C-alpha atoms as a PDB file:
ATOM      1  CA  MET A   1      81.146  66.637  96.014  1.00  0.00           C
ATOM      2  CA  THR A   2      80.665  69.908  94.168  1.00  0.00           C
ATOM      3  CA  HIS A   3      83.372  71.328  91.924  1.00  0.00           C
ATOM      4  CA  SER A   4      83.520  75.109  91.287  1.00  0.00           C
ATOM      5  CA  LEU A   5      85.332  76.063  88.124  1.00  0.00           C
ATOM      6  CA  ALA A   6      86.282  79.406  86.597  1.00  0.00           C
ATOM      7  CA  CYS A   7      88.591  79.516  83.566  1.00  0.00           C
ATOM      8  CA  ALA A   8      90.872  82.488  83.041  1.00  0.00           C
ATOM      9  CA  ARG A   9      92.059  80.907  79.778  1.00  0.00           C
ATOM     10  CA  VAL A  10      91.846  77.655  77.848  1.00  0.00           C
ATOM     11  CA  ARG A  11      94.877  76.369  79.746  1.00  0.00           C
ATOM     12  CA  ARG A  12      94.440  78.097  83.101  1.00  0.00           C
ATOM     13  CA  CYS A  13      91.465  77.046  85.215  1.00  0.00           C
ATOM     14  CA  LEU A  14      90.756  77.417  88.910  1.00  0.00           C
ATOM     15  CA  LYS A  15      89.698  73.980  90.098  1.00  0.00           C
ATOM     16  CA  THR A  16      88.489  73.525  93.629  1.00  0.00           C
ATOM     17  CA  THR A  17      86.825  70.868  95.736  1.00  0.00           C
ATOM     18  CA  GLY A  18      84.654  71.198  98.846  1.00  0.00           C
ATOM     19  CA  ILE A  19      84.092  74.963  98.803  1.00  0.00           C
ATOM     20  CA  ALA A  20      81.130  76.017 100.864  1.00  0.00           C
ATOM     21  CA  THR A  21      80.404  79.063  98.726  1.00  0.00           C
ATOM     22  CA  ALA A  22      80.497  78.860  94.934  1.00  0.00           C
ATOM     23  CA  LEU A  23      83.316  80.672  93.198  1.00  0.00           C
ATOM     24  CA  THR A  24      81.781  83.793  91.704  1.00  0.00           C
ATOM     25  CA  MET A  25      84.748  85.854  90.565  1.00  0.00           C
ATOM     26  CA  GLY A  26      84.519  87.005  86.973  1.00  0.00           C
ATOM     27  CA  VAL A  27      87.273  85.855  84.661  1.00  0.00           C
ATOM     28  CA  THR A  28      88.243  87.430  81.364  1.00  0.00           C
ATOM     29  CA  THR A  29      90.278  85.946  78.533  1.00  0.00           C
ATOM     30  CA  LEU A  30      92.861  88.532  77.535  1.00  0.00           C
ATOM     31  CA  SER A  31      94.579  86.824  74.597  1.00  0.00           C
ATOM     32  CA  SER A  32      94.752  83.665  72.536  1.00  0.00           C
ATOM     33  CA  ALA A  33      98.254  82.731  73.706  1.00  0.00           C
ATOM     34  CA  ALA A  34      96.932  79.585  75.339  1.00  0.00           C
ATOM     35  CA  PHE A  35     100.228  77.769  75.740  1.00  0.00           C
ATOM     36  CA  ALA A  36     102.491  80.594  76.941  1.00  0.00           C
ATOM     37  CA  GLU A  37     103.590  80.768  80.547  1.00  0.00           C
ATOM     38  CA  PRO A  38     101.837  83.460  82.654  1.00  0.00           C
ATOM     39  CA  VAL A  39     104.001  86.197  84.150  1.00  0.00           C
ATOM     40  CA  ALA A  40     101.651  87.762  86.716  1.00  0.00           C
ATOM     41  CA  LEU A  41      98.299  87.430  88.466  1.00  0.00           C
ATOM     42  CA  ILE A  42      95.847  90.321  88.742  1.00  0.00           C
ATOM     43  CA  LEU A  43      94.893  90.614  92.413  1.00  0.00           C
ATOM     44  CA  ASP A  44      92.685  93.694  92.293  1.00  0.00           C
ATOM     45  CA  LYS A  45      91.685  96.516  89.957  1.00  0.00           C
ATOM     46  CA  SER A  46      89.964  99.864  89.871  1.00  0.00           C
ATOM     47  CA  GLU A  47      86.550 100.328  88.279  1.00  0.00           C
ATOM     48  CA  GLY A  48      86.388 100.555  84.518  1.00  0.00           C
ATOM     49  CA  ILE A  49      89.420  98.376  83.794  1.00  0.00           C
ATOM     50  CA  GLU A  50      88.441  95.630  81.346  1.00  0.00           C
ATOM     51  CA  VAL A  51      90.083  92.729  83.163  1.00  0.00           C
ATOM     52  CA  SER A  52      88.960  90.502  86.009  1.00  0.00           C
ATOM     53  CA  ALA A  53      90.578  89.809  89.351  1.00  0.00           C
ATOM     54  CA  PHE A  54      92.593  86.570  89.447  1.00  0.00           C
ATOM     55  CA  THR A  55      93.176  86.583  85.696  1.00  0.00           C
ATOM     56  CA  GLU A  56      96.731  85.625  84.743  1.00  0.00           C
ATOM     57  CA  LEU A  57      98.656  87.817  82.305  1.00  0.00           C
ATOM     58  CA  LEU A  58     100.249  85.996  79.363  1.00  0.00           C
ATOM     59  CA  PRO A  59     102.746  87.127  76.709  1.00  0.00           C
ATOM     60  CA  GLY A  60     100.885  89.147  74.096  1.00  0.00           C
ATOM     61  CA  ASP A  61      98.397  90.651  76.541  1.00  0.00           C
ATOM     62  CA  VAL A  62      97.966  94.433  76.550  1.00  0.00           C
ATOM     63  CA  VAL A  63      96.101  96.199  79.364  1.00  0.00           C
ATOM     64  CA  ASP A  64      95.111  99.851  78.963  1.00  0.00           C
ATOM     65  CA  LEU A  65      94.735 101.479  82.365  1.00  0.00           C
ATOM     66  CA  GLY A  66      93.807 104.884  80.982  1.00  0.00           C
ATOM     67  CA  PRO A  67      94.768 108.080  82.802  1.00  0.00           C
ATOM     68  CA  ASP A  68      93.377 107.131  86.220  1.00  0.00           C
ATOM     69  CA  GLY A  69      93.024 103.351  86.414  1.00  0.00           C
ATOM     70  CA  HIS A  70      95.184 100.906  88.356  1.00  0.00           C
ATOM     71  CA  ILE A  71      95.656  97.217  88.941  1.00  0.00           C
ATOM     72  CA  ASP A  72      97.490  95.268  91.635  1.00  0.00           C
ATOM     73  CA  LEU A  73      99.689  92.488  90.272  1.00  0.00           C
ATOM     74  CA  LEU A  74     101.475  89.535  91.792  1.00  0.00           C
ATOM     75  CA  ASP A  75     104.683  89.454  89.726  1.00  0.00           C
ATOM     76  CA  TYR A  76     105.655  85.773  89.562  1.00  0.00           C
ATOM     77  CA  ALA A  77     109.331  86.290  88.679  1.00  0.00           C
ATOM     78  CA  ALA A  78     110.006  88.886  91.388  1.00  0.00           C
ATOM     79  CA  CYS A  79     107.509  87.364  93.848  1.00  0.00           C
ATOM     80  CA  GLN A  80     106.151  90.731  94.880  1.00  0.00           C
ATOM     81  CA  GLU A  81     102.865  92.595  94.791  1.00  0.00           C
ATOM     82  CA  VAL A  82     102.925  95.730  92.655  1.00  0.00           C
ATOM     83  CA  ARG A  83     100.362  98.495  92.083  1.00  0.00           C
ATOM     84  CA  VAL A  84     100.500  99.800  88.510  1.00  0.00           C
ATOM     85  CA  LYS A  85      98.818 103.161  87.920  1.00  0.00           C
ATOM     86  CA  SER A  86      97.693 104.578  84.543  1.00  0.00           C
ATOM     87  CA  GLY A  87      99.352 103.991  81.181  1.00  0.00           C
ATOM     88  CA  ILE A  88      99.633 100.760  79.226  1.00  0.00           C
ATOM     89  CA  ILE A  89     100.946  97.346  80.288  1.00  0.00           C
ATOM     90  CA  THR A  90     102.414  95.109  77.593  1.00  0.00           C
ATOM     91  CA  VAL A  91     103.253  91.523  78.496  1.00  0.00           C
ATOM     92  CA  ALA A  92     106.151  89.519  77.019  1.00  0.00           C
ATOM     93  CA  SER A  93     107.712  86.175  77.903  1.00  0.00           C
ATOM     94  CA  SER A  94     110.388  87.977  79.921  1.00  0.00           C
ATOM     95  CA  GLY A  95     107.829  89.894  81.986  1.00  0.00           C
ATOM     96  CA  TYR A  96     105.657  92.966  81.592  1.00  0.00           C
ATOM     97  CA  VAL A  97     106.525  96.498  80.420  1.00  0.00           C
ATOM     98  CA  HIS A  98     104.652  99.494  81.799  1.00  0.00           C
ATOM     99  CA  GLU A  99     104.611 102.813  79.961  1.00  0.00           C
ATOM    100  CA  GLY A 100     102.939 106.124  80.715  1.00  0.00           C
ATOM    101  CA  GLY A 101     102.340 105.687  84.430  1.00  0.00           C
ATOM    102  CA  GLU A 102     103.928 104.718  87.718  1.00  0.00           C
ATOM    103  CA  GLU A 103     104.493 101.582  89.765  1.00  0.00           C
ATOM    104  CA  LYS A 104     104.719 100.995  93.492  1.00  0.00           C
ATOM    105  CA  VAL A 105     105.812  97.813  95.241  1.00  0.00           C
ATOM    106  CA  LEU A 106     103.201  97.050  97.893  1.00  0.00           C
ATOM    107  CA  ARG A 107     105.022  94.178  99.584  1.00  0.00           C
ATOM    108  CA  ALA A 108     106.818  90.925  99.000  1.00  0.00           C
ATOM    109  CA  GLY A 109     104.629  88.161  97.625  1.00  0.00           C
ATOM    110  CA  ASN A 110     103.925  84.973  99.541  1.00  0.00           C
ATOM    111  CA  CYS A 111     106.254  82.345  98.058  1.00  0.00           C
ATOM    112  CA  LEU A 112     106.590  79.043  99.860  1.00  0.00           C
ATOM    113  CA  LYS A 113     109.505  76.775  98.997  1.00  0.00           C
ATOM    114  CA  ALA A 114     111.752  74.193 100.577  1.00  0.00           C
ATOM    115  CA  ASP A 115     115.084  75.407 101.897  1.00  0.00           C
ATOM    116  CA  ALA A 116     117.652  74.373  99.285  1.00  0.00           C
ATOM    117  CA  ASP A 117     120.507  74.787 101.767  1.00  0.00           C
ATOM    118  CA  ALA A 118     119.048  72.363 104.265  1.00  0.00           C
ATOM    119  CA  ASN A 119     119.672  68.627 104.290  1.00  0.00           C
ATOM    120  CA  THR A 120     117.310  66.366 102.386  1.00  0.00           C
ATOM    121  CA  ASP A 121     115.140  65.385 105.343  1.00  0.00           C
ATOM    122  CA  SER A 122     114.426  68.883 106.564  1.00  0.00           C
ATOM    123  CA  ALA A 123     114.072  70.321 103.058  1.00  0.00           C
ATOM    124  CA  ALA A 124     111.393  67.760 102.272  1.00  0.00           C
ATOM    125  CA  LYS A 125     109.346  69.078 105.182  1.00  0.00           C
ATOM    126  CA  GLY A 126     109.200  72.493 103.579  1.00  0.00           C
ATOM    127  CA  LEU A 127     109.500  75.954 105.027  1.00  0.00           C
ATOM    128  CA  THR A 128     107.394  77.328 107.861  1.00  0.00           C
ATOM    129  CA  VAL A 129     106.433  80.959 107.324  1.00  0.00           C
ATOM    130  CA  THR A 130     103.856  83.452 108.552  1.00  0.00           C
ATOM    131  CA  LEU A 131     102.067  85.462 105.882  1.00  0.00           C
ATOM    132  CA  ARG A 132     101.944  89.020 107.125  1.00  0.00           C
ATOM    133  CA  GLY A 133     101.854  92.033 104.864  1.00  0.00           C
ATOM    134  CA  LEU A 134     100.142  95.299 104.055  1.00  0.00           C
ATOM    135  CA  SER A 135      97.161  95.934 106.319  1.00  0.00           C
ATOM    136  CA  LEU A 136      94.242  97.447 104.391  1.00  0.00           C
ATOM    137  CA  SER A 137      91.026  98.617 105.967  1.00  0.00           C
ATOM    138  CA  ASP A 138      87.907  96.451 105.582  1.00  0.00           C
ATOM    139  CA  LYS A 139      89.859  93.618 103.973  1.00  0.00           C
ATOM    140  CA  LYS A 140      90.919  90.373 105.585  1.00  0.00           C
ATOM    141  CA  ALA A 141      91.508  86.949 104.121  1.00  0.00           C
ATOM    142  CA  ALA A 142      88.514  84.619 104.024  1.00  0.00           C
ATOM    143  CA  ALA A 143      89.847  82.346 101.287  1.00  0.00           C
ATOM    144  CA  LEU A 144      93.143  80.807 100.207  1.00  0.00           C
ATOM    145  CA  MET A 145      94.431  80.517  96.646  1.00  0.00           C
ATOM    146  CA  LEU A 146      97.426  78.303  95.876  1.00  0.00           C
ATOM    147  CA  ARG A 147      99.496  78.472  92.697  1.00  0.00           C
ATOM    148  CA  PHE A 148     102.011  75.689  92.039  1.00  0.00           C
ATOM    149  CA  ASP A 149     105.029  76.263  89.805  1.00  0.00           C
ATOM    150  CA  ASP A 150     105.835  74.052  86.843  1.00  0.00           C
ATOM    151  CA  ASP A 151     108.531  72.045  88.639  1.00  0.00           C
ATOM    152  CA  LEU A 152     106.077  70.936  91.307  1.00  0.00           C
ATOM    153  CA  ARG A 153     103.341  70.167  88.789  1.00  0.00           C
ATOM    154  CA  SER A 154     105.764  67.957  86.878  1.00  0.00           C
ATOM    155  CA  GLN A 155     106.421  65.855  89.983  1.00  0.00           C
ATOM    156  CA  TYR A 156     103.193  66.016  92.000  1.00  0.00           C
ATOM    157  CA  ASP A 157      99.608  65.655  90.846  1.00  0.00           C
ATOM    158  CA  THR A 158      97.647  65.718  94.103  1.00  0.00           C
ATOM    159  CA  VAL A 159      97.662  68.084  97.057  1.00  0.00           C
ATOM    160  CA  PHE A 160      95.890  67.766 100.405  1.00  0.00           C
ATOM    161  CA  VAL A 161      95.148  71.007 102.266  1.00  0.00           C
ATOM    162  CA  SER A 162      94.595  70.915 106.027  1.00  0.00           C
ATOM    163  CA  PHE A 163      93.559  73.872 108.205  1.00  0.00           C
ATOM    164  CA  GLU A 164      94.382  73.791 111.910  1.00  0.00           C
ATOM    165  CA  GLY A 165      95.197  70.076 111.785  1.00  0.00           C
ATOM    166  CA  GLY A 166      91.709  69.218 110.549  1.00  0.00           C
ATOM    167  CA  ALA A 167      90.649  66.745 107.890  1.00  0.00           C
ATOM    168  CA  PRO A 168      92.512  67.541 104.675  1.00  0.00           C
ATOM    169  CA  LYS A 169      90.770  68.539 101.469  1.00  0.00           C
ATOM    170  CA  ARG A 170      92.027  66.728  98.383  1.00  0.00           C
ATOM    171  CA  PHE A 171      92.657  68.501  95.085  1.00  0.00           C
ATOM    172  CA  ASP A 172      93.453  66.225  92.167  1.00  0.00           C
ATOM    173  CA  VAL A 173      94.570  68.894  89.714  1.00  0.00           C
ATOM    174  CA  MET A 174      97.470  71.052  90.838  1.00  0.00           C
ATOM    175  CA  ASP A 175      96.557  74.157  88.900  1.00  0.00           C
ATOM    176  CA  ASN A 176      95.475  77.311  90.717  1.00  0.00           C
ATOM    177  CA  ILE A 177      93.108  76.165  93.464  1.00  0.00           C
ATOM    178  CA  LEU A 178      90.841  78.202  95.703  1.00  0.00           C
ATOM    179  CA  THR A 179      89.276  77.151  98.989  1.00  0.00           C
ATOM    180  CA  ASP A 180      87.457  78.898 101.813  1.00  0.00           C
ATOM    181  CA  MET A 181      89.160  79.396 105.154  1.00  0.00           C
ATOM    182  CA  PRO A 182      87.598  77.326 107.961  1.00  0.00           C
ATOM    183  CA  ALA A 183      84.773  78.744 110.020  1.00  0.00           C
ATOM    184  CA  ARG A 184      85.903  79.785 113.496  1.00  0.00           C
ATOM    185  CA  GLU A 185      84.588  81.860 116.396  1.00  0.00           C
ATOM    186  CA  ASP A 186      86.965  84.743 115.755  1.00  0.00           C
ATOM    187  CA  ASP A 187      87.729  85.162 112.047  1.00  0.00           C
ATOM    188  CA  ASP A 188      90.613  87.485 112.964  1.00  0.00           C
ATOM    189  CA  GLU A 189      92.589  84.585 114.410  1.00  0.00           C
ATOM    190  CA  ALA A 190      95.657  83.284 112.584  1.00  0.00           C
ATOM    191  CA  VAL A 191      95.173  80.002 110.715  1.00  0.00           C
ATOM    192  CA  ASP A 192      97.774  77.234 110.450  1.00  0.00           C
ATOM    193  CA  VAL A 193      97.859  75.537 107.044  1.00  0.00           C
ATOM    194  CA  GLU A 194      99.560  72.288 106.041  1.00  0.00           C
ATOM    195  CA  LEU A 195     100.025  71.120 102.459  1.00  0.00           C
ATOM    196  CA  PHE A 196     100.781  67.499 101.608  1.00  0.00           C
ATOM    197  CA  LEU A 197     101.965  67.028  98.025  1.00  0.00           C
ATOM    198  CA  GLN A 198     101.640  63.518  96.617  1.00  0.00           C
ATOM    199  CA  GLY A 199     104.017  62.476  93.847  1.00  0.00           C
ATOM    200  CA  LYS A 200     103.087  61.213  90.401  1.00  0.00           C
ATOM    201  CA  ALA A 201     105.584  58.395  90.866  1.00  0.00           C
ATOM    202  CA  PRO A 202     106.500  56.474  94.043  1.00  0.00           C
ATOM    203  CA  ASP A 203     110.006  57.945  93.946  1.00  0.00           C
ATOM    204  CA  PHE A 204     108.614  61.435  94.561  1.00  0.00           C
ATOM    205  CA  GLY A 205     106.766  60.346  97.708  1.00  0.00           C
ATOM    206  CA  VAL A 206     104.882  62.907  99.799  1.00  0.00           C
ATOM    207  CA  VAL A 207     106.277  66.246 100.983  1.00  0.00           C
ATOM    208  CA  MET A 208     104.776  68.715 103.426  1.00  0.00           C
ATOM    209  CA  ARG A 209     104.763  72.492 103.417  1.00  0.00           C
ATOM    210  CA  LYS A 210     103.265  74.537 106.244  1.00  0.00           C
ATOM    211  CA  PHE A 211     102.564  78.182 106.897  1.00  0.00           C
ATOM    212  CA  THR A 212     100.363  80.492 108.969  1.00  0.00           C
ATOM    213  CA  ILE A 213      97.913  83.030 107.580  1.00  0.00           C
ATOM    214  CA  ASP A 214      97.131  86.148 109.574  1.00  0.00           C
ATOM    215  CA  PRO A 215      93.765  87.102 107.985  1.00  0.00           C
ATOM    216  CA  ILE A 216      93.968  90.787 108.913  1.00  0.00           C
ATOM    217  CA  LYS A 217      97.572  91.308 107.834  1.00  0.00           C
ATOM    218  CA  VAL A 218      97.061  89.713 104.409  1.00  0.00           C
ATOM    219  CA  GLY A 219      95.183  92.862 103.393  1.00  0.00           C
ATOM    220  CA  ARG A 220      92.976  91.096 100.833  1.00  0.00           C
ATOM    221  CA  LYS A 221      89.921  88.866 100.914  1.00  0.00           C
ATOM    222  CA  THR A 222      91.952  86.093  99.323  1.00  0.00           C
ATOM    223  CA  ALA A 223      95.430  85.116 100.470  1.00  0.00           C
ATOM    224  CA  VAL A 224      97.457  84.071  97.419  1.00  0.00           C
ATOM    225  CA  VAL A 225     100.422  81.751  97.993  1.00  0.00           C
ATOM    226  CA  ILE A 226     102.907  80.627  95.337  1.00  0.00           C
ATOM    227  CA  VAL A 227     104.156  77.129  96.150  1.00  0.00           C
ATOM    228  CA  LYS A 228     107.546  76.211  94.687  1.00  0.00           C
END
């Protein structure tokens, strides 16, 4: 089984199994802060900006957007997608600071987590959501990227991803993973996704999270979901 691998940093790699098309996105190392926690993910950028899509921003990173450049960020702390235009972005452990330009919130990010107010049985099954957001012309999701927070990675080391109830794909490393959406007659159709997280220890067991992706409404070629 082929593994596609693209490293944004020494510590942050995109590891994926069973992808039909090789991962070809460019990735740029922005700083040497290999052990700091990332604060945001670059989703898109304008031409001429010296960063790559799907690079994570770490404390110490500085991004110069110039007078006309922009990038779209997924802010992890706020769980929202933001377009940052012109100026300079400086990243710290508490988040990023933007000077000399303007910001616009595009939409809420896709954050999937168990309902803490529910009882144990239902919370373990996770939250069912539909990912619908900004509709952009000529862009619809053909791939799915999952990012797992530190709490999940400390408890679970394997995730199985199933589309439309089909055979699950297994990912042994719960870092950022990327996988193609399943082939279907109408690629505009919504896709049901189930995640099965397998614990590092028997006490953690297996939990399920499920959601639906509307490829057109995602507004990007890759639907990014933060799993908490």
